[in-house]
Structure formats: structure tokens, C-alpha cells
Amino acid sequence: MELGLACAEGSRRVSACAPYSQCPRYCIPAEEENKLEDVVHTLLQANGTPGLQMLESNVMISPEVLCREGIKVHRTVQQSGQFVVCFPGSFVSKVCCGYSVSETVHFATTQWTSMGFETAKEMKRRHIAKPFSMEKLLYQIAQAEAKKENGPTLSTISALLDELRDTELRQRRQLFEAGLHSSARYGSHDSSSAMPDAKKKPRKWLQLETSERRCQICQHLCYLSMVVQENENVVFCLECALRHVEKQKSCRGLKLMYRYDEEQIISLVNQICGKVAGKNGSIENCLSKPTPKRGPRKRATVDVPPSRLSSSSSSKSASSSS
């Protein structure tokens, strides 16, 4: 018998499946990933294509062949009404015995976000389209949980937001240094390059949903920012845009589109880290590092709780009266 093996739903997500009929399943544990990569690459003579990527192309491999190569392959028969949970990193395949109907649901816990963040980077590296934006998920969690002051959740995502901020600002700075000076926010026009014709309609790509703003090279969902080639309606993520600029030796026709400016990104990350540090008693490692400034900026302000203001004013009045 030959069967196709695929990574758990293609993106290391946790899933539970319940079939309505008998269903034989084969599974390879996550610990065999590196060995499986080498074996599949050798068997299929992938010519540079990663072995695991070949598995996701409906390639059929006999379990007996994998066993002879030293790969652990487990088999079970799932009965109707039973649940099978596929953990991240495992490789699973099922055999349909005639008419097949099943239900599958994906779920995740707070501890999953770190693994999801690393998986998103791996999928970007392998040019695999993600079903949702990890950047958007982290920012929406941060904005929602900051109001609730959910300590465990904020503690989990604070390090991820910190890394995301550093990567985003570094890539923006590199593009600026490479000569890309034209920029605008989503849904707005760059006043410095706007045409005098007030009746000119906005370009269609400004109205696209997030699911449609994918980098044409790596298929990354561009949420925080993207680089567009206006005359051809082409979208790049910042990393691919930098490679494109280095290859073309020019930024002509390119524009950086961003959702949040630098100060907003830093403010959100510092707010989350500040709440986490407030519970842990330290804030030194959470504050962002200073970045090179491109021009004069407004002096940063710090929000002080009313309780601190009242306590400081009372102490001053007490000292003056004494």
C-alpha cells in the first residue's frame, strides 16, 4: 500500500478529527522530522526541493519503505465517533474506505503562540501561504488583553511582540537607507507625491482586504506593512522588497505602505511590556532600544496614573508646609 503523508494540516496546528466511518490512520512523530526530511529527499531525488515540501504535494510513499529506512511509522484504526488529536509537527495520513465524512476543528492555547510564531516564520521561508496573519493575531491579542490586564497572556506574547517590533523597524530602516523614501499609510495618500487632480480615484490595492495583500514572492500576509509597485499593482513584504531593490539597484515605482508608524509600534510594545514588568517588578528589559532618527520628532510623553500624581502632589505639599 502507498499513502501520502502530510504535516498536521500543513502548518503545525493542533487539530481534532472525528470521522463518521472507520478510518485507518498512519502517523510519524515530530521527533522524526529531520530524518524524514533526508529520507524523502533521497527517495524522491528532489533536486534541491525540501523533502517535507515534496510530501505536501500529494506524493505517495509506502509506509514499508519508510520503515526500512528507519522512520517510525505508527498505525491505528479510528472508529466512528472517536476523536484523534494531531499535535504540532506530526505527519499524518488517512486511508478512505469508501464514502468518508468527518469533522475537523483546530484549537490552540496561549502557550501555542510561541510555536505558531516560529511556524509562521518557517512557512514564510518555504514560501507557503498562511491561512491567517500571525502579526495581526499578536497585535489584536495585545490590544484586547491589555485592557483586561491578562498577565499570563501578555507575558507570553510580550517577547514575540518585542522581536516583531525589532524586525519591522530594522527592515523599514534598511529600505530607507536603500533609497525607498516614498511612503503612506493604508487608506491614505502620500501628500508629497499626490497629483493635483482632486478627482483622481484611489488605486484598487488600497481597498484590498488583508487576505489579498500577499507578497508575490513568499506568500506572506502583509499586515503591519508592505511595499507596492504602483504601476503594476504588485505587493512585496519588506524582506522580499529589500532583495528586489538590491537586485534591481533602484527603488523606482516602489512605495512603503504601513498600518502603524514607528512611534505607535514602540508605544504598544512598551505598554504590553510595562504591564508585564509591573507584575514582575522590573521594566528594564522591556523598553525599546533607541533607533536612528530620520528627522525632528515630537518629544515622547509618558502617561502617569492619577494615583501617582495625587501621591506626588501630596508629598510636595507636605514638604512645603514643613
C-alpha atoms as a PDB file:
ATOM      1  CA  MET A   1       0.000   0.000   0.000  1.00  0.00           C
ATOM      2  CA  GLU A   2       1.128   3.545  -0.708  1.00  0.00           C
ATOM      3  CA  LEU A   3      -0.108   6.665   1.018  1.00  0.00           C
ATOM      4  CA  GLY A   4       0.616  10.351   1.178  1.00  0.00           C
ATOM      5  CA  LEU A   5       1.955  11.820   4.413  1.00  0.00           C
ATOM      6  CA  ALA A   6       1.397  15.467   5.285  1.00  0.00           C
ATOM      7  CA  CYS A   7       2.394  17.650   8.202  1.00  0.00           C
ATOM      8  CA  ALA A   8      -0.519  18.121  10.614  1.00  0.00           C
ATOM      9  CA  GLU A   9      -2.788  20.289   8.471  1.00  0.00           C
ATOM     10  CA  GLY A  10       0.283  21.767   6.807  1.00  0.00           C
ATOM     11  CA  SER A  11       1.172  24.351   9.459  1.00  0.00           C
ATOM     12  CA  ARG A  12       1.805  22.603  12.775  1.00  0.00           C
ATOM     13  CA  ARG A  13      -1.583  23.493  14.166  1.00  0.00           C
ATOM     14  CA  VAL A  14      -3.290  21.293  16.752  1.00  0.00           C
ATOM     15  CA  SER A  15      -6.419  19.642  15.381  1.00  0.00           C
ATOM     16  CA  ALA A  16      -9.028  17.098  16.423  1.00  0.00           C
ATOM     17  CA  CYS A  17     -10.792  14.922  13.854  1.00  0.00           C
ATOM     18  CA  ALA A  18     -13.909  12.791  14.297  1.00  0.00           C
ATOM     19  CA  PRO A  19     -14.959  10.587  11.347  1.00  0.00           C
ATOM     20  CA  TYR A  20     -18.408   9.099  10.789  1.00  0.00           C
ATOM     21  CA  SER A  21     -16.978   5.841   9.476  1.00  0.00           C
ATOM     22  CA  GLN A  22     -13.982   3.598  10.104  1.00  0.00           C
ATOM     23  CA  CYS A  23     -10.724   5.305   9.093  1.00  0.00           C
ATOM     24  CA  PRO A  24      -7.191   3.784   9.173  1.00  0.00           C
ATOM     25  CA  ARG A  25      -4.555   6.387  10.047  1.00  0.00           C
ATOM     26  CA  TYR A  26      -0.776   6.445   9.762  1.00  0.00           C
ATOM     27  CA  CYS A  27       1.386   8.797  11.793  1.00  0.00           C
ATOM     28  CA  ILE A  28       5.039   9.793  12.044  1.00  0.00           C
ATOM     29  CA  PRO A  29       6.002  11.600  15.284  1.00  0.00           C
ATOM     30  CA  ALA A  30       7.507  15.079  15.232  1.00  0.00           C
ATOM     31  CA  GLU A  31      10.844  13.783  16.556  1.00  0.00           C
ATOM     32  CA  GLU A  32      11.416  12.062  13.187  1.00  0.00           C
ATOM     33  CA  GLU A  33      11.170  15.302  11.190  1.00  0.00           C
ATOM     34  CA  ASN A  34      14.870  15.741  10.340  1.00  0.00           C
ATOM     35  CA  LYS A  35      15.345  12.078   9.458  1.00  0.00           C
ATOM     36  CA  LEU A  36      12.154  12.084   7.372  1.00  0.00           C
ATOM     37  CA  GLU A  37      13.354  15.172   5.506  1.00  0.00           C
ATOM     38  CA  ASP A  38      16.574  13.422   4.454  1.00  0.00           C
ATOM     39  CA  VAL A  39      14.929  10.118   3.571  1.00  0.00           C
ATOM     40  CA  VAL A  40      12.183  11.654   1.448  1.00  0.00           C
ATOM     41  CA  HIS A  41      14.671  13.943  -0.297  1.00  0.00           C
ATOM     42  CA  THR A  42      16.821  10.928  -1.180  1.00  0.00           C
ATOM     43  CA  LEU A  43      13.930   8.680  -2.254  1.00  0.00           C
ATOM     44  CA  LEU A  44      12.289  11.291  -4.457  1.00  0.00           C
ATOM     45  CA  GLN A  45      15.520  12.843  -5.775  1.00  0.00           C
ATOM     46  CA  ALA A  46      14.003  16.265  -5.081  1.00  0.00           C
ATOM     47  CA  ASN A  47      16.854  18.195  -6.771  1.00  0.00           C
ATOM     48  CA  GLY A  48      17.060  20.914  -4.144  1.00  0.00           C
ATOM     49  CA  THR A  49      13.390  20.911  -3.137  1.00  0.00           C
ATOM     50  CA  PRO A  50      12.991  20.208   0.606  1.00  0.00           C
ATOM     51  CA  GLY A  51      11.735  16.701   1.268  1.00  0.00           C
ATOM     52  CA  LEU A  52       8.902  17.842   3.532  1.00  0.00           C
ATOM     53  CA  GLN A  53       7.722  20.230   0.851  1.00  0.00           C
ATOM     54  CA  MET A  54       7.523  17.302  -1.559  1.00  0.00           C
ATOM     55  CA  LEU A  55       5.287  15.461   0.918  1.00  0.00           C
ATOM     56  CA  GLU A  56       2.825  18.340   0.803  1.00  0.00           C
ATOM     57  CA  SER A  57       2.475  17.878  -2.968  1.00  0.00           C
ATOM     58  CA  ASN A  58       0.366  14.695  -2.669  1.00  0.00           C
ATOM     59  CA  VAL A  59       3.403  12.465  -3.096  1.00  0.00           C
ATOM     60  CA  MET A  60       2.699   8.801  -2.290  1.00  0.00           C
ATOM     61  CA  ILE A  61       5.237   6.801  -0.277  1.00  0.00           C
ATOM     62  CA  SER A  62       4.847   3.268   1.067  1.00  0.00           C
ATOM     63  CA  PRO A  63       4.961   3.004   4.893  1.00  0.00           C
ATOM     64  CA  GLU A  64       7.038  -0.164   4.491  1.00  0.00           C
ATOM     65  CA  VAL A  65       9.687   1.815   2.594  1.00  0.00           C
ATOM     66  CA  LEU A  66       9.840   4.428   5.327  1.00  0.00           C
ATOM     67  CA  CYS A  67      10.141   1.710   7.988  1.00  0.00           C
ATOM     68  CA  ARG A  68      13.041   0.103   6.139  1.00  0.00           C
ATOM     69  CA  GLU A  69      14.764   3.495   6.164  1.00  0.00           C
ATOM     70  CA  GLY A  70      14.467   3.668   9.956  1.00  0.00           C
ATOM     71  CA  ILE A  71      11.466   6.015  10.167  1.00  0.00           C
ATOM     72  CA  LYS A  72       8.982   5.326  12.959  1.00  0.00           C
ATOM     73  CA  VAL A  73       5.521   4.857  11.415  1.00  0.00           C
ATOM     74  CA  HIS A  74       2.516   4.194  13.674  1.00  0.00           C
ATOM     75  CA  ARG A  75      -0.849   2.869  12.530  1.00  0.00           C
ATOM     76  CA  THR A  76      -4.251   2.966  14.170  1.00  0.00           C
ATOM     77  CA  VAL A  77      -7.831   2.399  13.082  1.00  0.00           C
ATOM     78  CA  GLN A  78     -10.128   5.212  14.119  1.00  0.00           C
ATOM     79  CA  GLN A  79     -13.693   4.085  14.669  1.00  0.00           C
ATOM     80  CA  SER A  80     -16.803   6.157  14.082  1.00  0.00           C
ATOM     81  CA  GLY A  81     -17.347   8.660  16.896  1.00  0.00           C
ATOM     82  CA  GLN A  82     -13.746   8.537  18.127  1.00  0.00           C
ATOM     83  CA  PHE A  83     -11.551  11.639  18.259  1.00  0.00           C
ATOM     84  CA  VAL A  84      -7.937  11.742  17.095  1.00  0.00           C
ATOM     85  CA  VAL A  85      -5.841  14.747  18.158  1.00  0.00           C
ATOM     86  CA  CYS A  86      -2.983  15.650  15.786  1.00  0.00           C
ATOM     87  CA  PHE A  87      -0.251  17.516  17.644  1.00  0.00           C
ATOM     88  CA  PRO A  88       2.012  20.123  16.007  1.00  0.00           C
ATOM     89  CA  GLY A  89       4.890  18.741  13.959  1.00  0.00           C
ATOM     90  CA  SER A  90       3.444  15.266  13.453  1.00  0.00           C
ATOM     91  CA  PHE A  91       2.930  13.847   9.976  1.00  0.00           C
ATOM     92  CA  VAL A  92      -0.381  12.122   9.424  1.00  0.00           C
ATOM     93  CA  SER A  93      -2.262  10.409   6.638  1.00  0.00           C
ATOM     94  CA  LYS A  94      -5.557   8.567   6.452  1.00  0.00           C
ATOM     95  CA  VAL A  95      -6.968   5.933   4.109  1.00  0.00           C
ATOM     96  CA  CYS A  96     -10.530   6.388   2.901  1.00  0.00           C
ATOM     97  CA  CYS A  97     -12.520   3.141   2.931  1.00  0.00           C
ATOM     98  CA  GLY A  98     -15.301   4.146   0.589  1.00  0.00           C
ATOM     99  CA  TYR A  99     -17.675   7.009   1.402  1.00  0.00           C
ATOM    100  CA  SER A 100     -15.999   9.220   4.027  1.00  0.00           C
ATOM    101  CA  VAL A 101     -17.434  12.035   6.119  1.00  0.00           C
ATOM    102  CA  SER A 102     -15.530  13.608   9.014  1.00  0.00           C
ATOM    103  CA  GLU A 103     -15.301  16.820  11.014  1.00  0.00           C
ATOM    104  CA  THR A 104     -12.049  18.560  11.919  1.00  0.00           C
ATOM    105  CA  VAL A 105     -11.535  21.513  14.261  1.00  0.00           C
ATOM    106  CA  HIS A 106      -8.374  23.474  15.018  1.00  0.00           C
ATOM    107  CA  PHE A 107      -7.709  24.783  18.506  1.00  0.00           C
ATOM    108  CA  ALA A 108      -4.895  26.463  20.384  1.00  0.00           C
ATOM    109  CA  THR A 109      -3.905  27.508  23.877  1.00  0.00           C
ATOM    110  CA  THR A 110      -1.969  30.571  24.968  1.00  0.00           C
ATOM    111  CA  GLN A 111       1.235  28.517  25.132  1.00  0.00           C
ATOM    112  CA  TRP A 112       0.804  27.713  21.418  1.00  0.00           C
ATOM    113  CA  THR A 113       1.563  31.273  20.281  1.00  0.00           C
ATOM    114  CA  SER A 114       5.347  30.881  20.508  1.00  0.00           C
ATOM    115  CA  MET A 115       5.233  27.747  18.363  1.00  0.00           C
ATOM    116  CA  GLY A 116       2.814  29.442  15.974  1.00  0.00           C
ATOM    117  CA  PHE A 117       5.161  32.416  15.652  1.00  0.00           C
ATOM    118  CA  GLU A 118       8.100  30.160  14.739  1.00  0.00           C
ATOM    119  CA  THR A 119       5.910  28.163  12.348  1.00  0.00           C
ATOM    120  CA  ALA A 120       4.832  31.358  10.593  1.00  0.00           C
ATOM    121  CA  LYS A 121       8.487  32.270  10.016  1.00  0.00           C
ATOM    122  CA  GLU A 122       9.199  28.772   8.695  1.00  0.00           C
ATOM    123  CA  MET A 123       6.243  28.930   6.289  1.00  0.00           C
ATOM    124  CA  LYS A 124       7.450  32.309   5.062  1.00  0.00           C
ATOM    125  CA  ARG A 125      10.909  30.871   4.460  1.00  0.00           C
ATOM    126  CA  ARG A 126       9.399  27.992   2.485  1.00  0.00           C
ATOM    127  CA  HIS A 127       7.035  30.300   0.533  1.00  0.00           C
ATOM    128  CA  ILE A 128       3.888  28.616   1.883  1.00  0.00           C
ATOM    129  CA  ALA A 129       0.740  30.734   2.115  1.00  0.00           C
ATOM    130  CA  LYS A 130      -0.509  31.022   5.702  1.00  0.00           C
ATOM    131  CA  PRO A 131      -4.274  30.852   6.390  1.00  0.00           C
ATOM    132  CA  PHE A 132      -4.069  33.899   8.679  1.00  0.00           C
ATOM    133  CA  SER A 133      -1.606  36.610   9.656  1.00  0.00           C
ATOM    134  CA  MET A 134       0.378  35.874  12.818  1.00  0.00           C
ATOM    135  CA  GLU A 135       1.255  39.579  13.046  1.00  0.00           C
ATOM    136  CA  LYS A 136      -2.413  40.523  13.059  1.00  0.00           C
ATOM    137  CA  LEU A 137      -3.192  37.868  15.667  1.00  0.00           C
ATOM    138  CA  LEU A 138      -0.465  39.124  18.029  1.00  0.00           C
ATOM    139  CA  TYR A 139      -1.472  42.768  17.675  1.00  0.00           C
ATOM    140  CA  GLN A 140      -5.156  42.030  18.205  1.00  0.00           C
ATOM    141  CA  ILE A 141      -4.358  39.914  21.281  1.00  0.00           C
ATOM    142  CA  ALA A 142      -2.168  42.713  22.621  1.00  0.00           C
ATOM    143  CA  GLN A 143      -4.824  45.380  22.127  1.00  0.00           C
ATOM    144  CA  ALA A 144      -7.617  43.238  23.609  1.00  0.00           C
ATOM    145  CA  GLU A 145      -5.759  41.721  26.560  1.00  0.00           C
ATOM    146  CA  ALA A 146      -4.042  44.977  27.548  1.00  0.00           C
ATOM    147  CA  LYS A 147      -7.425  46.376  28.575  1.00  0.00           C
ATOM    148  CA  LYS A 148      -8.156  43.280  30.666  1.00  0.00           C
ATOM    149  CA  GLU A 149      -4.613  43.232  32.069  1.00  0.00           C
ATOM    150  CA  ASN A 150      -4.436  39.489  31.454  1.00  0.00           C
ATOM    151  CA  GLY A 151      -0.978  38.847  32.914  1.00  0.00           C
ATOM    152  CA  PRO A 152      -0.317  35.278  31.656  1.00  0.00           C
ATOM    153  CA  THR A 153      -1.329  36.071  28.075  1.00  0.00           C
ATOM    154  CA  LEU A 154       0.580  39.364  27.953  1.00  0.00           C
ATOM    155  CA  SER A 155       3.647  37.666  29.397  1.00  0.00           C
ATOM    156  CA  THR A 156       3.518  35.046  26.627  1.00  0.00           C
ATOM    157  CA  ILE A 157       3.219  37.499  23.742  1.00  0.00           C
ATOM    158  CA  SER A 158       5.499  40.272  25.049  1.00  0.00           C
ATOM    159  CA  ALA A 159       8.713  38.620  23.815  1.00  0.00           C
ATOM    160  CA  LEU A 160       7.107  37.882  20.430  1.00  0.00           C
ATOM    161  CA  LEU A 161       5.959  41.484  20.046  1.00  0.00           C
ATOM    162  CA  ASP A 162       9.432  42.636  21.017  1.00  0.00           C
ATOM    163  CA  GLU A 163      11.017  40.526  18.264  1.00  0.00           C
ATOM    164  CA  LEU A 164       8.341  41.551  15.771  1.00  0.00           C
ATOM    165  CA  ARG A 165       8.978  45.248  16.532  1.00  0.00           C
ATOM    166  CA  ASP A 166      12.744  44.924  16.115  1.00  0.00           C
ATOM    167  CA  THR A 167      12.379  43.071  12.803  1.00  0.00           C
ATOM    168  CA  GLU A 168       9.803  45.502  11.428  1.00  0.00           C
ATOM    169  CA  LEU A 169      11.727  48.672  12.311  1.00  0.00           C
ATOM    170  CA  ARG A 170      15.044  47.222  11.145  1.00  0.00           C
ATOM    171  CA  GLN A 171      13.629  46.321   7.735  1.00  0.00           C
ATOM    172  CA  ARG A 172      11.989  49.734   7.363  1.00  0.00           C
ATOM    173  CA  ARG A 173      15.304  51.392   8.178  1.00  0.00           C
ATOM    174  CA  GLN A 174      17.175  49.191   5.687  1.00  0.00           C
ATOM    175  CA  LEU A 175      14.717  50.066   2.928  1.00  0.00           C
ATOM    176  CA  PHE A 176      15.031  53.764   3.748  1.00  0.00           C
ATOM    177  CA  GLU A 177      18.825  53.515   3.596  1.00  0.00           C
ATOM    178  CA  ALA A 178      18.486  51.675   0.260  1.00  0.00           C
ATOM    179  CA  GLY A 179      16.663  54.699  -1.169  1.00  0.00           C
ATOM    180  CA  LEU A 180      12.965  53.925  -0.602  1.00  0.00           C
ATOM    181  CA  HIS A 181      11.697  57.279   0.725  1.00  0.00           C
ATOM    182  CA  SER A 182       8.132  57.222  -0.637  1.00  0.00           C
ATOM    183  CA  SER A 183       5.609  56.029   1.945  1.00  0.00           C
ATOM    184  CA  ALA A 184       1.974  56.328   3.002  1.00  0.00           C
ATOM    185  CA  ARG A 185      -0.438  54.805   5.486  1.00  0.00           C
ATOM    186  CA  TYR A 186      -3.065  52.268   4.462  1.00  0.00           C
ATOM    187  CA  GLY A 187      -6.114  54.004   3.053  1.00  0.00           C
ATOM    188  CA  SER A 188      -4.419  57.393   2.687  1.00  0.00           C
ATOM    189  CA  HIS A 189      -2.419  59.176   0.005  1.00  0.00           C
ATOM    190  CA  ASP A 190       1.116  60.464   0.137  1.00  0.00           C
ATOM    191  CA  SER A 191       0.628  64.241   0.010  1.00  0.00           C
ATOM    192  CA  SER A 192       4.163  64.789  -1.248  1.00  0.00           C
ATOM    193  CA  SER A 193       3.529  62.770  -4.401  1.00  0.00           C
ATOM    194  CA  ALA A 194      -0.215  63.356  -4.868  1.00  0.00           C
ATOM    195  CA  MET A 195      -1.341  64.629  -8.246  1.00  0.00           C
ATOM    196  CA  PRO A 196      -3.116  67.997  -8.385  1.00  0.00           C
ATOM    197  CA  ASP A 197      -6.178  66.352  -9.904  1.00  0.00           C
ATOM    198  CA  ALA A 198      -8.587  66.064  -6.956  1.00  0.00           C
ATOM    199  CA  LYS A 199     -10.929  63.794  -8.924  1.00  0.00           C
ATOM    200  CA  LYS A 200      -8.327  61.048  -9.225  1.00  0.00           C
ATOM    201  CA  LYS A 201      -9.659  57.811  -7.686  1.00  0.00           C
ATOM    202  CA  PRO A 202      -7.582  55.813  -5.195  1.00  0.00           C
ATOM    203  CA  ARG A 203      -5.827  52.759  -6.532  1.00  0.00           C
ATOM    204  CA  LYS A 204      -7.612  49.437  -6.104  1.00  0.00           C
ATOM    205  CA  TRP A 205      -4.906  47.873  -3.971  1.00  0.00           C
ATOM    206  CA  LEU A 206      -5.620  50.388  -1.226  1.00  0.00           C
ATOM    207  CA  GLN A 207      -9.063  48.823  -0.795  1.00  0.00           C
ATOM    208  CA  LEU A 208      -7.954  45.188  -0.732  1.00  0.00           C
ATOM    209  CA  GLU A 209      -8.620  43.048   2.300  1.00  0.00           C
ATOM    210  CA  THR A 210      -5.727  41.677   4.337  1.00  0.00           C
ATOM    211  CA  SER A 211      -6.211  38.216   2.841  1.00  0.00           C
ATOM    212  CA  GLU A 212      -5.456  39.657  -0.600  1.00  0.00           C
ATOM    213  CA  ARG A 213      -2.300  41.541   0.379  1.00  0.00           C
ATOM    214  CA  ARG A 214       0.155  38.693  -0.026  1.00  0.00           C
ATOM    215  CA  CYS A 215       3.753  39.071  -1.031  1.00  0.00           C
ATOM    216  CA  GLN A 216       4.015  37.805  -4.567  1.00  0.00           C
ATOM    217  CA  ILE A 217       7.301  36.048  -3.765  1.00  0.00           C
ATOM    218  CA  CYS A 218       6.962  34.377  -0.347  1.00  0.00           C
ATOM    219  CA  GLN A 219       3.129  34.490   0.002  1.00  0.00           C
ATOM    220  CA  HIS A 220       3.477  36.286   3.349  1.00  0.00           C
ATOM    221  CA  LEU A 221       0.330  38.060   4.562  1.00  0.00           C
ATOM    222  CA  CYS A 222       1.351  41.719   4.883  1.00  0.00           C
ATOM    223  CA  TYR A 223      -0.396  43.209   7.911  1.00  0.00           C
ATOM    224  CA  LEU A 224       1.969  45.731   9.507  1.00  0.00           C
ATOM    225  CA  SER A 225       3.447  46.992   6.246  1.00  0.00           C
ATOM    226  CA  MET A 226       4.187  46.166   2.643  1.00  0.00           C
ATOM    227  CA  VAL A 227       5.953  47.603  -0.387  1.00  0.00           C
ATOM    228  CA  VAL A 228       3.853  48.089  -3.508  1.00  0.00           C
ATOM    229  CA  GLN A 229       4.856  48.622  -7.104  1.00  0.00           C
ATOM    230  CA  GLU A 230       2.164  51.087  -8.057  1.00  0.00           C
ATOM    231  CA  ASN A 231       2.240  50.828 -11.825  1.00  0.00           C
ATOM    232  CA  GLU A 232       1.911  47.019 -11.779  1.00  0.00           C
ATOM    233  CA  ASN A 233      -0.137  46.568  -8.588  1.00  0.00           C
ATOM    234  CA  VAL A 234       2.472  44.187  -7.146  1.00  0.00           C
ATOM    235  CA  VAL A 235       2.928  43.594  -3.412  1.00  0.00           C
ATOM    236  CA  PHE A 236       6.162  42.697  -1.594  1.00  0.00           C
ATOM    237  CA  CYS A 237       6.822  42.048   2.071  1.00  0.00           C
ATOM    238  CA  LEU A 238       9.657  44.180   3.442  1.00  0.00           C
ATOM    239  CA  GLU A 239      12.192  41.345   3.345  1.00  0.00           C
ATOM    240  CA  CYS A 240      11.458  40.449  -0.286  1.00  0.00           C
ATOM    241  CA  ALA A 241      11.261  44.131  -1.206  1.00  0.00           C
ATOM    242  CA  LEU A 242      14.780  44.663   0.116  1.00  0.00           C
ATOM    243  CA  ARG A 243      16.077  41.801  -2.035  1.00  0.00           C
ATOM    244  CA  HIS A 244      14.200  43.219  -5.016  1.00  0.00           C
ATOM    245  CA  VAL A 245      15.778  46.651  -4.506  1.00  0.00           C
ATOM    246  CA  GLU A 246      19.256  45.153  -4.123  1.00  0.00           C
ATOM    247  CA  LYS A 247      18.764  43.157  -7.321  1.00  0.00           C
ATOM    248  CA  GLN A 248      17.265  45.984  -9.392  1.00  0.00           C
ATOM    249  CA  LYS A 249      19.588  48.649  -7.937  1.00  0.00           C
ATOM    250  CA  SER A 250      16.614  51.008  -7.871  1.00  0.00           C
ATOM    251  CA  CYS A 251      13.510  51.913  -5.844  1.00  0.00           C
ATOM    252  CA  ARG A 252      11.706  53.477  -8.781  1.00  0.00           C
ATOM    253  CA  GLY A 253       7.945  52.909  -8.659  1.00  0.00           C
ATOM    254  CA  LEU A 254       8.001  51.448  -5.151  1.00  0.00           C
ATOM    255  CA  LYS A 255       6.178  52.789  -2.112  1.00  0.00           C
ATOM    256  CA  LEU A 256       6.152  51.655   1.505  1.00  0.00           C
ATOM    257  CA  MET A 257       2.631  51.233   2.873  1.00  0.00           C
ATOM    258  CA  TYR A 258       2.319  50.884   6.642  1.00  0.00           C
ATOM    259  CA  ARG A 259      -0.510  50.381   9.126  1.00  0.00           C
ATOM    260  CA  TYR A 260       1.259  51.759  12.230  1.00  0.00           C
ATOM    261  CA  ASP A 261       4.079  54.276  12.321  1.00  0.00           C
ATOM    262  CA  GLU A 262       7.269  53.714  14.302  1.00  0.00           C
ATOM    263  CA  GLU A 263       6.097  55.544  17.420  1.00  0.00           C
ATOM    264  CA  GLN A 264       2.818  53.596  17.545  1.00  0.00           C
ATOM    265  CA  ILE A 265       4.620  50.257  17.291  1.00  0.00           C
ATOM    266  CA  ILE A 266       7.077  51.191  20.034  1.00  0.00           C
ATOM    267  CA  SER A 267       4.294  52.563  22.227  1.00  0.00           C
ATOM    268  CA  LEU A 268       2.208  49.380  22.002  1.00  0.00           C
ATOM    269  CA  VAL A 269       5.145  47.085  22.766  1.00  0.00           C
ATOM    270  CA  ASN A 270       6.260  49.255  25.688  1.00  0.00           C
ATOM    271  CA  GLN A 271       2.716  49.303  27.029  1.00  0.00           C
ATOM    272  CA  ILE A 272       2.493  45.494  26.977  1.00  0.00           C
ATOM    273  CA  CYS A 273       5.975  45.045  28.424  1.00  0.00           C
ATOM    274  CA  GLY A 274       5.231  47.653  31.066  1.00  0.00           C
ATOM    275  CA  LYS A 275       2.145  45.779  32.238  1.00  0.00           C
ATOM    276  CA  VAL A 276       4.094  42.507  32.356  1.00  0.00           C
ATOM    277  CA  ALA A 277       7.021  44.156  34.156  1.00  0.00           C
ATOM    278  CA  GLY A 278       4.650  45.793  36.616  1.00  0.00           C
ATOM    279  CA  LYS A 279       3.567  42.370  37.758  1.00  0.00           C
ATOM    280  CA  ASN A 280       7.152  41.082  37.833  1.00  0.00           C
ATOM    281  CA  GLY A 281       8.645  44.202  39.429  1.00  0.00           C
ATOM    282  CA  SER A 282      11.098  45.089  36.625  1.00  0.00           C
ATOM    283  CA  ILE A 283      10.815  47.057  33.405  1.00  0.00           C
ATOM    284  CA  GLU A 284      14.424  47.455  32.298  1.00  0.00           C
ATOM    285  CA  ASN A 285      14.432  44.751  29.625  1.00  0.00           C
ATOM    286  CA  CYS A 286      11.062  45.661  28.152  1.00  0.00           C
ATOM    287  CA  LEU A 287      11.663  49.182  26.930  1.00  0.00           C
ATOM    288  CA  SER A 288      12.584  49.508  23.293  1.00  0.00           C
ATOM    289  CA  LYS A 289      16.066  50.345  22.180  1.00  0.00           C
ATOM    290  CA  PRO A 290      16.562  53.757  20.578  1.00  0.00           C
ATOM    291  CA  THR A 291      16.513  53.736  16.800  1.00  0.00           C
ATOM    292  CA  PRO A 292      18.253  56.171  14.455  1.00  0.00           C
ATOM    293  CA  LYS A 293      16.037  59.178  13.799  1.00  0.00           C
ATOM    294  CA  ARG A 294      15.429  60.484  10.304  1.00  0.00           C
ATOM    295  CA  GLY A 295      14.307  63.936  11.313  1.00  0.00           C
ATOM    296  CA  PRO A 296      12.904  66.066  14.112  1.00  0.00           C
ATOM    297  CA  ARG A 297      10.241  64.352  16.152  1.00  0.00           C
ATOM    298  CA  LYS A 298       7.890  65.267  18.953  1.00  0.00           C
ATOM    299  CA  ARG A 299       9.235  64.651  22.410  1.00  0.00           C
ATOM    300  CA  ALA A 300       7.911  61.392  23.805  1.00  0.00           C
ATOM    301  CA  THR A 301       5.358  61.619  26.578  1.00  0.00           C
ATOM    302  CA  VAL A 302       4.695  59.217  29.436  1.00  0.00           C
ATOM    303  CA  ASP A 303       1.225  58.529  30.798  1.00  0.00           C
ATOM    304  CA  VAL A 304       1.292  58.806  34.586  1.00  0.00           C
ATOM    305  CA  PRO A 305      -1.598  57.246  36.545  1.00  0.00           C
ATOM    306  CA  PRO A 306      -3.708  59.729  38.558  1.00  0.00           C
ATOM    307  CA  SER A 307      -2.813  57.851  41.734  1.00  0.00           C
ATOM    308  CA  ARG A 308       0.853  58.704  41.301  1.00  0.00           C
ATOM    309  CA  LEU A 309       0.057  62.332  40.561  1.00  0.00           C
ATOM    310  CA  SER A 310      -2.014  62.648  43.692  1.00  0.00           C
ATOM    311  CA  SER A 311       0.621  60.975  45.839  1.00  0.00           C
ATOM    312  CA  SER A 312       3.412  63.156  44.436  1.00  0.00           C
ATOM    313  CA  SER A 313       1.407  66.354  44.864  1.00  0.00           C
ATOM    314  CA  SER A 314       0.553  65.460  48.424  1.00  0.00           C
ATOM    315  CA  SER A 315       4.183  64.796  49.237  1.00  0.00           C
ATOM    316  CA  LYS A 316       5.168  68.161  47.768  1.00  0.00           C
ATOM    317  CA  SER A 317       2.516  69.974  49.797  1.00  0.00           C
ATOM    318  CA  ALA A 318       3.632  68.189  52.924  1.00  0.00           C
ATOM    319  CA  SER A 319       7.247  69.220  52.362  1.00  0.00           C
ATOM    320  CA  SER A 320       6.282  72.838  51.642  1.00  0.00           C
ATOM    321  CA  SER A 321       4.165  73.057  54.801  1.00  0.00           C
ATOM    322  CA  SER A 322       7.017  71.710  56.879  1.00  0.00           C
END
